mmCIF file of all heavy atoms, coordinates in Angstrom:
data_MODEL
# 
_entry.id   MODEL 
# 
loop_
_atom_site.group_PDB 
_atom_site.id 
_atom_site.type_symbol 
_atom_site.label_atom_id 
_atom_site.label_alt_id 
_atom_site.label_comp_id 
_atom_site.label_asym_id 
_atom_site.label_entity_id 
_atom_site.label_seq_id 
_atom_site.pdbx_PDB_ins_code 
_atom_site.Cartn_x 
_atom_site.Cartn_y 
_atom_site.Cartn_z 
_atom_site.occupancy 
_atom_site.B_iso_or_equiv 
_atom_site.pdbx_formal_charge 
_atom_site.auth_seq_id 
_atom_site.auth_comp_id 
_atom_site.auth_asym_id 
_atom_site.auth_atom_id 
_atom_site.pdbx_PDB_model_num 
ATOM 1   N N   . ALA A 1 1  ? -27.522 8.576  -73.683 1.00 0.00 ? 1  ALA A N   1 
ATOM 2   C CA  . ALA A 1 1  ? -26.117 8.944  -73.874 1.00 0.00 ? 1  ALA A CA  1 
ATOM 3   C C   . ALA A 1 1  ? -26.070 10.032 -74.929 1.00 0.00 ? 1  ALA A C   1 
ATOM 4   O O   . ALA A 1 1  ? -26.763 10.041 -75.945 1.00 0.00 ? 1  ALA A O   1 
ATOM 5   C CB  . ALA A 1 1  ? -25.316 7.706  -74.366 1.00 0.00 ? 1  ALA A CB  1 
ATOM 6   N N   . ASN A 1 2  ? -25.197 11.031 -74.602 1.00 0.00 ? 2  ASN A N   1 
ATOM 7   C CA  . ASN A 1 2  ? -25.023 12.191 -75.457 1.00 0.00 ? 2  ASN A CA  1 
ATOM 8   C C   . ASN A 1 2  ? -26.360 12.898 -75.757 1.00 0.00 ? 2  ASN A C   1 
ATOM 9   O O   . ASN A 1 2  ? -26.777 13.020 -76.900 1.00 0.00 ? 2  ASN A O   1 
ATOM 10  C CB  . ASN A 1 2  ? -24.293 11.860 -76.744 1.00 0.00 ? 2  ASN A CB  1 
ATOM 11  C CG  . ASN A 1 2  ? -22.851 11.320 -76.448 1.00 0.00 ? 2  ASN A CG  1 
ATOM 12  O OD1 . ASN A 1 2  ? -22.252 11.651 -75.418 1.00 0.00 ? 2  ASN A OD1 1 
ATOM 13  N ND2 . ASN A 1 2  ? -22.313 10.551 -77.394 1.00 0.00 ? 2  ASN A ND2 1 
ATOM 14  N N   . PRO A 1 3  ? -27.030 13.364 -74.734 1.00 0.00 ? 3  PRO A N   1 
ATOM 15  C CA  . PRO A 1 3  ? -28.322 14.084 -74.928 1.00 0.00 ? 3  PRO A CA  1 
ATOM 16  C C   . PRO A 1 3  ? -28.102 15.364 -75.812 1.00 0.00 ? 3  PRO A C   1 
ATOM 17  O O   . PRO A 1 3  ? -27.088 15.938 -75.708 1.00 0.00 ? 3  PRO A O   1 
ATOM 18  C CB  . PRO A 1 3  ? -28.789 14.417 -73.538 1.00 0.00 ? 3  PRO A CB  1 
ATOM 19  C CG  . PRO A 1 3  ? -27.621 14.361 -72.674 1.00 0.00 ? 3  PRO A CG  1 
ATOM 20  C CD  . PRO A 1 3  ? -26.620 13.399 -73.308 1.00 0.00 ? 3  PRO A CD  1 
ATOM 21  N N   . LYS A 1 4  ? -29.135 15.667 -76.533 1.00 0.00 ? 4  LYS A N   1 
ATOM 22  C CA  . LYS A 1 4  ? -29.072 16.885 -77.383 1.00 0.00 ? 4  LYS A CA  1 
ATOM 23  C C   . LYS A 1 4  ? -28.997 18.160 -76.566 1.00 0.00 ? 4  LYS A C   1 
ATOM 24  O O   . LYS A 1 4  ? -28.296 19.086 -76.947 1.00 0.00 ? 4  LYS A O   1 
ATOM 25  C CB  . LYS A 1 4  ? -30.269 16.885 -78.381 1.00 0.00 ? 4  LYS A CB  1 
ATOM 26  C CG  . LYS A 1 4  ? -30.209 15.814 -79.444 1.00 0.00 ? 4  LYS A CG  1 
ATOM 27  C CD  . LYS A 1 4  ? -31.168 16.135 -80.576 1.00 0.00 ? 4  LYS A CD  1 
ATOM 28  C CE  . LYS A 1 4  ? -31.278 15.059 -81.610 1.00 0.00 ? 4  LYS A CE  1 
ATOM 29  N NZ  . LYS A 1 4  ? -30.176 14.285 -81.992 1.00 0.00 ? 4  LYS A NZ  1 
ATOM 30  N N   . ALA A 1 5  ? -29.814 18.172 -75.517 1.00 0.00 ? 5  ALA A N   1 
ATOM 31  C CA  . ALA A 1 5  ? -29.849 19.352 -74.584 1.00 0.00 ? 5  ALA A CA  1 
ATOM 32  C C   . ALA A 1 5  ? -28.950 19.048 -73.404 1.00 0.00 ? 5  ALA A C   1 
ATOM 33  O O   . ALA A 1 5  ? -28.827 17.938 -72.985 1.00 0.00 ? 5  ALA A O   1 
ATOM 34  C CB  . ALA A 1 5  ? -31.291 19.641 -74.158 1.00 0.00 ? 5  ALA A CB  1 
ATOM 35  N N   . LYS A 1 6  ? -28.400 20.082 -72.847 1.00 0.00 ? 6  LYS A N   1 
ATOM 36  C CA  . LYS A 1 6  ? -27.571 19.884 -71.644 1.00 0.00 ? 6  LYS A CA  1 
ATOM 37  C C   . LYS A 1 6  ? -28.379 19.531 -70.467 1.00 0.00 ? 6  LYS A C   1 
ATOM 38  O O   . LYS A 1 6  ? -29.409 20.142 -70.196 1.00 0.00 ? 6  LYS A O   1 
ATOM 39  C CB  . LYS A 1 6  ? -26.797 21.263 -71.381 1.00 0.00 ? 6  LYS A CB  1 
ATOM 40  C CG  . LYS A 1 6  ? -25.798 21.188 -70.234 1.00 0.00 ? 6  LYS A CG  1 
ATOM 41  C CD  . LYS A 1 6  ? -25.061 22.491 -70.192 1.00 0.00 ? 6  LYS A CD  1 
ATOM 42  C CE  . LYS A 1 6  ? -24.216 22.639 -68.925 1.00 0.00 ? 6  LYS A CE  1 
ATOM 43  N NZ  . LYS A 1 6  ? -23.222 21.609 -68.693 1.00 0.00 ? 6  LYS A NZ  1 
ATOM 44  N N   . LEU A 1 7  ? -27.968 18.516 -69.711 1.00 0.00 ? 7  LEU A N   1 
ATOM 45  C CA  . LEU A 1 7  ? -28.739 18.028 -68.585 1.00 0.00 ? 7  LEU A CA  1 
ATOM 46  C C   . LEU A 1 7  ? -27.894 18.235 -67.331 1.00 0.00 ? 7  LEU A C   1 
ATOM 47  O O   . LEU A 1 7  ? -26.644 18.261 -67.387 1.00 0.00 ? 7  LEU A O   1 
ATOM 48  C CB  . LEU A 1 7  ? -29.076 16.550 -68.713 1.00 0.00 ? 7  LEU A CB  1 
ATOM 49  C CG  . LEU A 1 7  ? -29.936 16.126 -69.866 1.00 0.00 ? 7  LEU A CG  1 
ATOM 50  C CD1 . LEU A 1 7  ? -30.145 14.640 -69.894 1.00 0.00 ? 7  LEU A CD1 1 
ATOM 51  C CD2 . LEU A 1 7  ? -31.311 16.856 -69.822 1.00 0.00 ? 7  LEU A CD2 1 
ATOM 52  N N   . LYS A 1 8  ? -28.512 18.353 -66.189 1.00 0.00 ? 8  LYS A N   1 
ATOM 53  C CA  . LYS A 1 8  ? -27.855 18.336 -64.911 1.00 0.00 ? 8  LYS A CA  1 
ATOM 54  C C   . LYS A 1 8  ? -28.764 17.693 -63.892 1.00 0.00 ? 8  LYS A C   1 
ATOM 55  O O   . LYS A 1 8  ? -29.979 17.630 -63.994 1.00 0.00 ? 8  LYS A O   1 
ATOM 56  C CB  . LYS A 1 8  ? -27.464 19.778 -64.511 1.00 0.00 ? 8  LYS A CB  1 
ATOM 57  C CG  . LYS A 1 8  ? -28.555 20.685 -64.122 1.00 0.00 ? 8  LYS A CG  1 
ATOM 58  C CD  . LYS A 1 8  ? -28.035 22.085 -63.728 1.00 0.00 ? 8  LYS A CD  1 
ATOM 59  C CE  . LYS A 1 8  ? -29.029 23.042 -63.198 1.00 0.00 ? 8  LYS A CE  1 
ATOM 60  N NZ  . LYS A 1 8  ? -30.222 23.157 -63.994 1.00 0.00 ? 8  LYS A NZ  1 
ATOM 61  N N   . GLU A 1 9  ? -28.078 17.191 -62.848 1.00 0.00 ? 9  GLU A N   1 
ATOM 62  C CA  . GLU A 1 9  ? -28.860 16.490 -61.793 1.00 0.00 ? 9  GLU A CA  1 
ATOM 63  C C   . GLU A 1 9  ? -29.954 17.389 -61.246 1.00 0.00 ? 9  GLU A C   1 
ATOM 64  O O   . GLU A 1 9  ? -29.722 18.585 -60.954 1.00 0.00 ? 9  GLU A O   1 
ATOM 65  C CB  . GLU A 1 9  ? -27.850 16.114 -60.665 1.00 0.00 ? 9  GLU A CB  1 
ATOM 66  C CG  . GLU A 1 9  ? -28.566 15.437 -59.509 1.00 0.00 ? 9  GLU A CG  1 
ATOM 67  C CD  . GLU A 1 9  ? -27.614 15.028 -58.364 1.00 0.00 ? 9  GLU A CD  1 
ATOM 68  O OE1 . GLU A 1 9  ? -26.347 15.165 -58.543 1.00 0.00 ? 9  GLU A OE1 1 
ATOM 69  O OE2 . GLU A 1 9  ? -28.050 14.669 -57.319 1.00 0.00 ? 9  GLU A OE2 1 
ATOM 70  N N   . GLY A 1 10 ? -31.111 16.831 -61.056 1.00 0.00 ? 10 GLY A N   1 
ATOM 71  C CA  . GLY A 1 10 ? -32.200 17.555 -60.465 1.00 0.00 ? 10 GLY A CA  1 
ATOM 72  C C   . GLY A 1 10 ? -33.112 18.280 -61.489 1.00 0.00 ? 10 GLY A C   1 
ATOM 73  O O   . GLY A 1 10 ? -34.161 18.691 -61.211 1.00 0.00 ? 10 GLY A O   1 
ATOM 74  N N   . ASP A 1 11 ? -32.644 18.270 -62.777 1.00 0.00 ? 11 ASP A N   1 
ATOM 75  C CA  . ASP A 1 11 ? -33.566 18.822 -63.826 1.00 0.00 ? 11 ASP A CA  1 
ATOM 76  C C   . ASP A 1 11 ? -34.852 18.058 -63.825 1.00 0.00 ? 11 ASP A C   1 
ATOM 77  O O   . ASP A 1 11 ? -34.874 16.801 -63.692 1.00 0.00 ? 11 ASP A O   1 
ATOM 78  C CB  . ASP A 1 11 ? -32.885 18.739 -65.206 1.00 0.00 ? 11 ASP A CB  1 
ATOM 79  C CG  . ASP A 1 11 ? -31.852 19.767 -65.483 1.00 0.00 ? 11 ASP A CG  1 
ATOM 80  O OD1 . ASP A 1 11 ? -31.722 20.700 -64.659 1.00 0.00 ? 11 ASP A OD1 1 
ATOM 81  O OD2 . ASP A 1 11 ? -31.206 19.687 -66.479 1.00 0.00 ? 11 ASP A OD2 1 
ATOM 82  N N   . ILE A 1 12 ? -35.930 18.735 -64.093 1.00 0.00 ? 12 ILE A N   1 
ATOM 83  C CA  . ILE A 1 12 ? -37.214 18.056 -64.256 1.00 0.00 ? 12 ILE A CA  1 
ATOM 84  C C   . ILE A 1 12 ? -37.719 18.359 -65.676 1.00 0.00 ? 12 ILE A C   1 
ATOM 85  O O   . ILE A 1 12 ? -37.896 19.445 -66.106 1.00 0.00 ? 12 ILE A O   1 
ATOM 86  C CB  . ILE A 1 12 ? -38.300 18.638 -63.191 1.00 0.00 ? 12 ILE A CB  1 
ATOM 87  C CG1 . ILE A 1 12 ? -37.771 18.474 -61.818 1.00 0.00 ? 12 ILE A CG1 1 
ATOM 88  C CG2 . ILE A 1 12 ? -39.651 17.943 -63.422 1.00 0.00 ? 12 ILE A CG2 1 
ATOM 89  C CD1 . ILE A 1 12 ? -38.612 19.207 -60.763 1.00 0.00 ? 12 ILE A CD1 1 
ATOM 90  N N   . LEU A 1 13 ? -37.908 17.282 -66.384 1.00 0.00 ? 13 LEU A N   1 
ATOM 91  C CA  . LEU A 1 13 ? -38.193 17.291 -67.804 1.00 0.00 ? 13 LEU A CA  1 
ATOM 92  C C   . LEU A 1 13 ? -39.689 16.912 -67.993 1.00 0.00 ? 13 LEU A C   1 
ATOM 93  O O   . LEU A 1 13 ? -40.328 16.311 -67.184 1.00 0.00 ? 13 LEU A O   1 
ATOM 94  C CB  . LEU A 1 13 ? -37.380 16.398 -68.639 1.00 0.00 ? 13 LEU A CB  1 
ATOM 95  C CG  . LEU A 1 13 ? -35.825 16.432 -68.361 1.00 0.00 ? 13 LEU A CG  1 
ATOM 96  C CD1 . LEU A 1 13 ? -35.058 15.370 -69.165 1.00 0.00 ? 13 LEU A CD1 1 
ATOM 97  C CD2 . LEU A 1 13 ? -35.308 17.831 -68.741 1.00 0.00 ? 13 LEU A CD2 1 
ATOM 98  N N   . LYS A 1 14 ? -40.293 17.252 -69.151 1.00 0.00 ? 14 LYS A N   1 
ATOM 99  C CA  . LYS A 1 14 ? -41.647 16.880 -69.477 1.00 0.00 ? 14 LYS A CA  1 
ATOM 100 C C   . LYS A 1 14 ? -41.745 15.684 -70.338 1.00 0.00 ? 14 LYS A C   1 
ATOM 101 O O   . LYS A 1 14 ? -42.884 15.184 -70.580 1.00 0.00 ? 14 LYS A O   1 
ATOM 102 C CB  . LYS A 1 14 ? -42.341 18.125 -70.165 1.00 0.00 ? 14 LYS A CB  1 
ATOM 103 C CG  . LYS A 1 14 ? -42.612 19.259 -69.227 1.00 0.00 ? 14 LYS A CG  1 
ATOM 104 C CD  . LYS A 1 14 ? -43.426 18.805 -67.963 1.00 0.00 ? 14 LYS A CD  1 
ATOM 105 C CE  . LYS A 1 14 ? -43.583 19.923 -66.959 1.00 0.00 ? 14 LYS A CE  1 
ATOM 106 N NZ  . LYS A 1 14 ? -44.199 19.368 -65.673 1.00 0.00 ? 14 LYS A NZ  1 
ATOM 107 N N   . GLU A 1 15 ? -40.612 15.151 -70.741 1.00 0.00 ? 15 GLU A N   1 
ATOM 108 C CA  . GLU A 1 15 ? -40.570 13.926 -71.588 1.00 0.00 ? 15 GLU A CA  1 
ATOM 109 C C   . GLU A 1 15 ? -39.161 13.387 -71.540 1.00 0.00 ? 15 GLU A C   1 
ATOM 110 O O   . GLU A 1 15 ? -38.246 14.023 -71.097 1.00 0.00 ? 15 GLU A O   1 
ATOM 111 C CB  . GLU A 1 15 ? -41.008 14.215 -73.051 1.00 0.00 ? 15 GLU A CB  1 
ATOM 112 C CG  . GLU A 1 15 ? -40.130 15.257 -73.737 1.00 0.00 ? 15 GLU A CG  1 
ATOM 113 C CD  . GLU A 1 15 ? -40.679 15.627 -75.090 1.00 0.00 ? 15 GLU A CD  1 
ATOM 114 O OE1 . GLU A 1 15 ? -41.796 15.191 -75.459 1.00 0.00 ? 15 GLU A OE1 1 
ATOM 115 O OE2 . GLU A 1 15 ? -40.001 16.466 -75.734 1.00 0.00 ? 15 GLU A OE2 1 
ATOM 116 N N   . TRP A 1 16 ? -39.009 12.160 -72.086 1.00 0.00 ? 16 TRP A N   1 
ATOM 117 C CA  . TRP A 1 16 ? -37.708 11.522 -72.192 1.00 0.00 ? 16 TRP A CA  1 
ATOM 118 C C   . TRP A 1 16 ? -36.875 12.445 -73.052 1.00 0.00 ? 16 TRP A C   1 
ATOM 119 O O   . TRP A 1 16 ? -37.318 12.972 -74.125 1.00 0.00 ? 16 TRP A O   1 
ATOM 120 C CB  . TRP A 1 16 ? -37.697 10.153 -72.858 1.00 0.00 ? 16 TRP A CB  1 
ATOM 121 C CG  . TRP A 1 16 ? -38.553 9.118  -72.104 1.00 0.00 ? 16 TRP A CG  1 
ATOM 122 C CD1 . TRP A 1 16 ? -39.639 8.497  -72.532 1.00 0.00 ? 16 TRP A CD1 1 
ATOM 123 C CD2 . TRP A 1 16 ? -38.228 8.594  -70.809 1.00 0.00 ? 16 TRP A CD2 1 
ATOM 124 N NE1 . TRP A 1 16 ? -40.137 7.590  -71.603 1.00 0.00 ? 16 TRP A NE1 1 
ATOM 125 C CE2 . TRP A 1 16 ? -39.253 7.611  -70.551 1.00 0.00 ? 16 TRP A CE2 1 
ATOM 126 C CE3 . TRP A 1 16 ? -37.203 8.803  -69.901 1.00 0.00 ? 16 TRP A CE3 1 
ATOM 127 C CZ2 . TRP A 1 16 ? -39.282 6.893  -69.331 1.00 0.00 ? 16 TRP A CZ2 1 
ATOM 128 C CZ3 . TRP A 1 16 ? -37.245 8.073  -68.726 1.00 0.00 ? 16 TRP A CZ3 1 
ATOM 129 C CH2 . TRP A 1 16 ? -38.215 7.132  -68.479 1.00 0.00 ? 16 TRP A CH2 1 
ATOM 130 N N   . PRO A 1 17 ? -35.572 12.745 -72.683 1.00 0.00 ? 17 PRO A N   1 
ATOM 131 C CA  . PRO A 1 17 ? -34.817 13.665 -73.525 1.00 0.00 ? 17 PRO A CA  1 
ATOM 132 C C   . PRO A 1 17 ? -34.358 13.063 -74.862 1.00 0.00 ? 17 PRO A C   1 
ATOM 133 O O   . PRO A 1 17 ? -34.160 11.832 -74.978 1.00 0.00 ? 17 PRO A O   1 
ATOM 134 C CB  . PRO A 1 17 ? -33.569 13.968 -72.658 1.00 0.00 ? 17 PRO A CB  1 
ATOM 135 C CG  . PRO A 1 17 ? -33.508 12.783 -71.777 1.00 0.00 ? 17 PRO A CG  1 
ATOM 136 C CD  . PRO A 1 17 ? -34.903 12.229 -71.546 1.00 0.00 ? 17 PRO A CD  1 
ATOM 137 N N   . GLU A 1 18 ? -34.164 13.879 -75.861 1.00 0.00 ? 18 GLU A N   1 
ATOM 138 C CA  . GLU A 1 18 ? -33.651 13.491 -77.149 1.00 0.00 ? 18 GLU A CA  1 
ATOM 139 C C   . GLU A 1 18 ? -32.144 13.224 -76.890 1.00 0.00 ? 18 GLU A C   1 
ATOM 140 O O   . GLU A 1 18 ? -31.503 13.933 -76.183 1.00 0.00 ? 18 GLU A O   1 
ATOM 141 C CB  . GLU A 1 18 ? -33.765 14.605 -78.163 1.00 0.00 ? 18 GLU A CB  1 
ATOM 142 C CG  . GLU A 1 18 ? -35.125 14.993 -78.561 1.00 0.00 ? 18 GLU A CG  1 
ATOM 143 C CD  . GLU A 1 18 ? -35.671 14.192 -79.662 1.00 0.00 ? 18 GLU A CD  1 
ATOM 144 O OE1 . GLU A 1 18 ? -34.904 13.826 -80.525 1.00 0.00 ? 18 GLU A OE1 1 
ATOM 145 O OE2 . GLU A 1 18 ? -36.897 13.991 -79.708 1.00 0.00 ? 18 GLU A OE2 1 
ATOM 146 N N   . ALA A 1 19 ? -31.640 12.078 -77.498 1.00 0.00 ? 19 ALA A N   1 
ATOM 147 C CA  . ALA A 1 19 ? -30.244 11.760 -77.283 1.00 0.00 ? 19 ALA A CA  1 
ATOM 148 C C   . ALA A 1 19 ? -29.734 10.910 -78.398 1.00 0.00 ? 19 ALA A C   1 
ATOM 149 O O   . ALA A 1 19 ? -30.551 10.267 -79.138 1.00 0.00 ? 19 ALA A O   1 
ATOM 150 C CB  . ALA A 1 19 ? -30.088 10.982 -75.988 1.00 0.00 ? 19 ALA A CB  1 
ATOM 151 N N   . GLN A 1 20 ? -28.394 10.832 -78.489 1.00 0.00 ? 20 GLN A N   1 
ATOM 152 C CA  . GLN A 1 20 ? -27.808 10.033 -79.551 1.00 0.00 ? 20 GLN A CA  1 
ATOM 153 C C   . GLN A 1 20 ? -28.168 8.522  -79.404 1.00 0.00 ? 20 GLN A C   1 
ATOM 154 O O   . GLN A 1 20 ? -28.465 7.845  -80.327 1.00 0.00 ? 20 GLN A O   1 
ATOM 155 C CB  . GLN A 1 20 ? -26.305 10.192 -79.535 1.00 0.00 ? 20 GLN A CB  1 
ATOM 156 C CG  . GLN A 1 20 ? -25.558 9.510  -80.663 1.00 0.00 ? 20 GLN A CG  1 
ATOM 157 C CD  . GLN A 1 20 ? -24.069 9.767  -80.635 1.00 0.00 ? 20 GLN A CD  1 
ATOM 158 O OE1 . GLN A 1 20 ? -23.542 10.404 -79.738 1.00 0.00 ? 20 GLN A OE1 1 
ATOM 159 N NE2 . GLN A 1 20 ? -23.391 9.275  -81.725 1.00 0.00 ? 20 GLN A NE2 1 
ATOM 160 N N   . TRP A 1 21 ? -28.203 8.099  -78.101 1.00 0.00 ? 21 TRP A N   1 
ATOM 161 C CA  . TRP A 1 21 ? -28.526 6.697  -77.758 1.00 0.00 ? 21 TRP A CA  1 
ATOM 162 C C   . TRP A 1 21 ? -29.482 6.696  -76.616 1.00 0.00 ? 21 TRP A C   1 
ATOM 163 O O   . TRP A 1 21 ? -29.342 7.580  -75.713 1.00 0.00 ? 21 TRP A O   1 
ATOM 164 C CB  . TRP A 1 21 ? -27.318 5.858  -77.434 1.00 0.00 ? 21 TRP A CB  1 
ATOM 165 C CG  . TRP A 1 21 ? -26.391 5.641  -78.507 1.00 0.00 ? 21 TRP A CG  1 
ATOM 166 C CD1 . TRP A 1 21 ? -26.607 4.919  -79.682 1.00 0.00 ? 21 TRP A CD1 1 
ATOM 167 C CD2 . TRP A 1 21 ? -25.056 6.126  -78.615 1.00 0.00 ? 21 TRP A CD2 1 
ATOM 168 N NE1 . TRP A 1 21 ? -25.515 4.953  -80.444 1.00 0.00 ? 21 TRP A NE1 1 
ATOM 169 C CE2 . TRP A 1 21 ? -24.524 5.651  -79.845 1.00 0.00 ? 21 TRP A CE2 1 
ATOM 170 C CE3 . TRP A 1 21 ? -24.214 6.852  -77.772 1.00 0.00 ? 21 TRP A CE3 1 
ATOM 171 C CZ2 . TRP A 1 21 ? -23.208 5.915  -80.257 1.00 0.00 ? 21 TRP A CZ2 1 
ATOM 172 C CZ3 . TRP A 1 21 ? -22.908 7.160  -78.162 1.00 0.00 ? 21 TRP A CZ3 1 
ATOM 173 C CH2 . TRP A 1 21 ? -22.465 6.686  -79.386 1.00 0.00 ? 21 TRP A CH2 1 
ATOM 174 N N   . ARG A 1 22 ? -30.418 5.796  -76.581 1.00 0.00 ? 22 ARG A N   1 
ATOM 175 C CA  . ARG A 1 22 ? -31.377 5.638  -75.483 1.00 0.00 ? 22 ARG A CA  1 
ATOM 176 C C   . ARG A 1 22 ? -31.549 4.177  -75.205 1.00 0.00 ? 22 ARG A C   1 
ATOM 177 O O   . ARG A 1 22 ? -31.660 3.353  -76.094 1.00 0.00 ? 22 ARG A O   1 
ATOM 178 C CB  . ARG A 1 22 ? -32.706 6.298  -75.840 1.00 0.00 ? 22 ARG A CB  1 
ATOM 179 C CG  . ARG A 1 22 ? -32.592 7.753  -76.013 1.00 0.00 ? 22 ARG A CG  1 
ATOM 180 C CD  . ARG A 1 22 ? -33.766 8.561  -76.333 1.00 0.00 ? 22 ARG A CD  1 
ATOM 181 N NE  . ARG A 1 22 ? -35.087 7.973  -76.483 1.00 0.00 ? 22 ARG A NE  1 
ATOM 182 C CZ  . ARG A 1 22 ? -36.187 8.715  -76.506 1.00 0.00 ? 22 ARG A CZ  1 
ATOM 183 N NH1 . ARG A 1 22 ? -36.174 9.982  -76.345 1.00 0.00 ? 22 ARG A NH1 1 
ATOM 184 N NH2 . ARG A 1 22 ? -37.343 8.126  -76.655 1.00 0.00 ? 22 ARG A NH2 1 
ATOM 185 N N   . SER A 1 23 ? -31.602 3.806  -73.882 1.00 0.00 ? 23 SER A N   1 
ATOM 186 C CA  . SER A 1 23 ? -31.746 2.464  -73.507 1.00 0.00 ? 23 SER A CA  1 
ATOM 187 C C   . SER A 1 23 ? -33.269 2.128  -73.622 1.00 0.00 ? 23 SER A C   1 
ATOM 188 O O   . SER A 1 23 ? -34.121 2.987  -73.789 1.00 0.00 ? 23 SER A O   1 
ATOM 189 C CB  . SER A 1 23 ? -31.317 2.213  -72.039 1.00 0.00 ? 23 SER A CB  1 
ATOM 190 O OG  . SER A 1 23 ? -32.245 2.841  -71.188 1.00 0.00 ? 23 SER A OG  1 
ATOM 191 N N   . GLN A 1 24 ? -33.582 0.887  -73.425 1.00 0.00 ? 24 GLN A N   1 
ATOM 192 C CA  . GLN A 1 24 ? -34.929 0.452  -73.284 1.00 0.00 ? 24 GLN A CA  1 
ATOM 193 C C   . GLN A 1 24 ? -35.483 1.078  -71.949 1.00 0.00 ? 24 GLN A C   1 
ATOM 194 O O   . GLN A 1 24 ? -34.692 1.215  -71.074 1.00 0.00 ? 24 GLN A O   1 
ATOM 195 C CB  . GLN A 1 24 ? -35.118 -1.031 -73.302 1.00 0.00 ? 24 GLN A CB  1 
ATOM 196 C CG  . GLN A 1 24 ? -34.822 -1.629 -74.643 1.00 0.00 ? 24 GLN A CG  1 
ATOM 197 C CD  . GLN A 1 24 ? -35.133 -3.105 -74.627 1.00 0.00 ? 24 GLN A CD  1 
ATOM 198 O OE1 . GLN A 1 24 ? -34.552 -3.858 -73.774 1.00 0.00 ? 24 GLN A OE1 1 
ATOM 199 N NE2 . GLN A 1 24 ? -35.969 -3.613 -75.497 1.00 0.00 ? 24 GLN A NE2 1 
ATOM 200 N N   . VAL A 1 25 ? -36.748 1.309  -71.878 1.00 0.00 ? 25 VAL A N   1 
ATOM 201 C CA  . VAL A 1 25 ? -37.346 1.701  -70.629 1.00 0.00 ? 25 VAL A CA  1 
ATOM 202 C C   . VAL A 1 25 ? -37.637 0.492  -69.782 1.00 0.00 ? 25 VAL A C   1 
ATOM 203 O O   . VAL A 1 25 ? -38.115 -0.517 -70.259 1.00 0.00 ? 25 VAL A O   1 
ATOM 204 C CB  . VAL A 1 25 ? -38.658 2.528  -70.824 1.00 0.00 ? 25 VAL A CB  1 
ATOM 205 C CG1 . VAL A 1 25 ? -39.330 2.800  -69.580 1.00 0.00 ? 25 VAL A CG1 1 
ATOM 206 C CG2 . VAL A 1 25 ? -38.342 3.702  -71.693 1.00 0.00 ? 25 VAL A CG2 1 
ATOM 207 N N   . ILE A 1 26 ? -37.156 0.530  -68.481 1.00 0.00 ? 26 ILE A N   1 
ATOM 208 C CA  . ILE A 1 26 ? -37.535 -0.518 -67.597 1.00 0.00 ? 26 ILE A CA  1 
ATOM 209 C C   . ILE A 1 26 ? -38.471 0.050  -66.550 1.00 0.00 ? 26 ILE A C   1 
ATOM 210 O O   . ILE A 1 26 ? -38.509 1.199  -66.259 1.00 0.00 ? 26 ILE A O   1 
ATOM 211 C CB  . ILE A 1 26 ? -36.324 -1.226 -66.901 1.00 0.00 ? 26 ILE A CB  1 
ATOM 212 C CG1 . ILE A 1 26 ? -35.585 -0.211 -66.020 1.00 0.00 ? 26 ILE A CG1 1 
ATOM 213 C CG2 . ILE A 1 26 ? -35.361 -1.923 -67.930 1.00 0.00 ? 26 ILE A CG2 1 
ATOM 214 C CD1 . ILE A 1 26 ? -34.600 -0.872 -65.039 1.00 0.00 ? 26 ILE A CD1 1 
# 
């Protein structure tokens, strides 16, 4: 929730994004 960098559908990242809140990984 509220990622630091702007995201859009289809983006391919190299790691979990930095964000104000992150859920647990399932």
